């Protein structure tokens, strides 16, 4: 059986064990229950697949280290800062998970966009692993990002926009045991994020201004509530199976009110749903999301870049595995450098692409040194396009003036072209940056001996 089917099976068990959470009603008392359950019952099953599927399993389940194949040199578990932030707005201390990409020795002051994910106790590891993998130099379809996971203390309070006495069927319940009696703190929670959490992250971490806000179920209506009421707080929004049923469709009414035809919202939003019908009936998640999609699509809101995806083969609890990936691909679909005409590729084309990215995401984005270097080497080996390769490598020395490798490679290419003078200049600069480059020393000595 393929591994994704095992994963789907495990997450279906989670949904059946905790139906209150499955339909966005109430969070289980411990975020560790699933992890412990899987570790105890399915450890042998997981071990069988670890050698070939370790990355995908870790993305979904955050497997304990005891189950990780120690002999696999590729897999590095996500490590995170865990801070405790005292919130005056919420009147409580909040635990926050923060993943920061590994330090870049050539860019020690490099800054990163930030993705804030709700239900951090369940979804932080998924999102962090996706971003870690997709931003690798050999993948490079999203930028490296700081991931901020926000675990829950009172999920119903923080992730619902209004005080409501209605359940998901629209039935009123005023009993003392009503599961949603703590509801209605969503706007105060957004105040916490906007006035306390984001300023803290910006102060203590090297952040770029582009931010993403992601949530699932109750978290989905929280991100949409933010888009409708405080759109400038984030640049992009992810709403996975948002619980539009909340308070008899309160957010659908708010969307109808806020999203007018003449409204300009220069933001991105990805929203999705799954097969969430009860007892064979059509899912209210689906019908409500179709109404939301119709509002956006028919009114053609200026500047609002949007995408809707339905996952009919997934449940409410398996959907996020696919949806987070698709959302990242949508938000950064223009990230990868288009390579339709490799032979003519040069620095001008690359600069134009990254200038467009910088304009779209609101901060200066620099072409990655290793990727540009690899392109230059490819141009030389496949096409003998030395001039185009030189233009790329010169761009690398401009973008990364502290890189001995950039100057060394440029020197090699000048030497291939027969320009010994420029090769010598590059080699000397490389050695000034890193005197230990023995191959560059030898190459330089050979050139000078001939001269």
Foldseek 3Di string as FASTA:
>chain_A
DDPLVVLQVLLVVVCVVCVCPQQPRFDDPDLCPSQVVCCPPPLVVVLVCCVPCVLLCCLQRVHDPVSHDPVDPPDDAFDWDWDWFCFPLVRGIWIKTKGADDADPLCNLDAFAEEEEELLSRNVSNLQSLLNVCCPPVRNLFHRYMYMYTHDDGLQAQLAQAQAQADLVRDGDPDPVRSNRNHHNNVSNVVCCQPPVVVVCVVPGRYDLAYEYEYAASSLVSQLVCCQPPVSSHQEYERELYSCSPRNRVVLVSLLVRQALAAARQHEYEYEYEQEDDPPDGDPSVVSVVSSVCSCVVSVHHNYHYYYYYHHVHGSRSVVSVRSNVRSCSVSVLRDQDCPDLLPAAPVSVVVSQVVVCVSRVHRDDDDLVNLQVSLVCNCVPPVSLVRSLRSLVSSCVVRVLALVSLQSNLVSCVVVVNNVSSLVSLVSSCVSPVPPVVSVVVNVVSVVVD
